[in-house]
């Protein structure tokens, strides 16, 4: 009986994985012409990329060489649809527009694709196709839609902004000093420069990233592996240590779970204008006011958006750093799964304790830090 149950469980897991990894359904919208040679080639390029997106080694080859060298994960618009990896079940895509970016210019084409799940729209994504060494290659909206924006450099950070943004050189210099100190303290080695873009509104932010429409809107996007921040908050400042911390830890974090990612960035750069020590004092006071609060309750789905939860994660990251330095942090923050049980198992392995002991070690860390 035990063998039968195990076999059934394996079969169920394999079936679930196959369902999650099913190919994306791609259709052509009414009026989209693929009879012309260039249109057909561009459509084929986009279709093949969507098919191979889950394979990062194959997917990156579809992008223009200059963007591949600039951004290790060049698909900036795709994050509005789904995380990297297999497409979620039930997602469909329809190419609603395909043609030259400018009338009479056949060197650059634009493809607009509507992604839906069930009957609901998810995002209307815009990518470009450009000639690249005798072949068609994909390219992002960001360089094109911000080419006329001003640029200012402070340390290893480039600030890119439209005329509506008032550049604060003092805040930029402070941000540059923070980045240098954080890089030295954590011990990472960024491979390139950091870029911080300022869009006037969340809608403009989505647009310059290639999302003409998106359900999952917010006031900022961070691409840690690419060293890119795009802000859409009207009052955004050059001094943004939390998001800059995401870029600092990007080389070691990779596509980590949100809870760990927020925790690591909170440890390095604070959150919501508060530094790590202040957040820890608030967490300590919160635990005193709420005796029933546990580490598991702060790992529950979606609570990672809360500063208390992020501070809780930051404590475990700081404990890992104290015990094993950067390798220990890398092992912890690189954990994709972030359920309460996953967090305890990952922390226990890095901290050298049993999973049931993690709660006590964490509470002691809150008090000590």
Foldseek 3Di string as FASTA:
>chain_A
DVVVVVVVVVVVVVVVVCQQQPQAAEAEDPPQDLPDPLSVQVVVLVNVLSRCQQPLVVNLVQAAPVQCVQFVRRQLLCVLQPDGHGHGHQKYKYWHDWDAPDPPDSQKMKTWMWIDGDPGTAFTFIWMWGDHPNGTHIHWLQCVVQVPWDWDDAALEIETEHPLDDADVVLLNVQNVLLVVLCVVQVDDDPGGAYEYEAQAQCRLSVSGGTNDGPPTDQKDADQSNNYIYGGDNPDYSNDQLSSQLNSCSVLQPLAALLLSLLSSCLSRNPPPDHLLVLLVVLLVVCVVPVPDFLQVLLPPPNSVPSSSSSLSVLLLVLLCVVPGNVLSSQLSNHRDRHSQSNLVSSCVSNVHHSVCVRVVSSVSSVVD
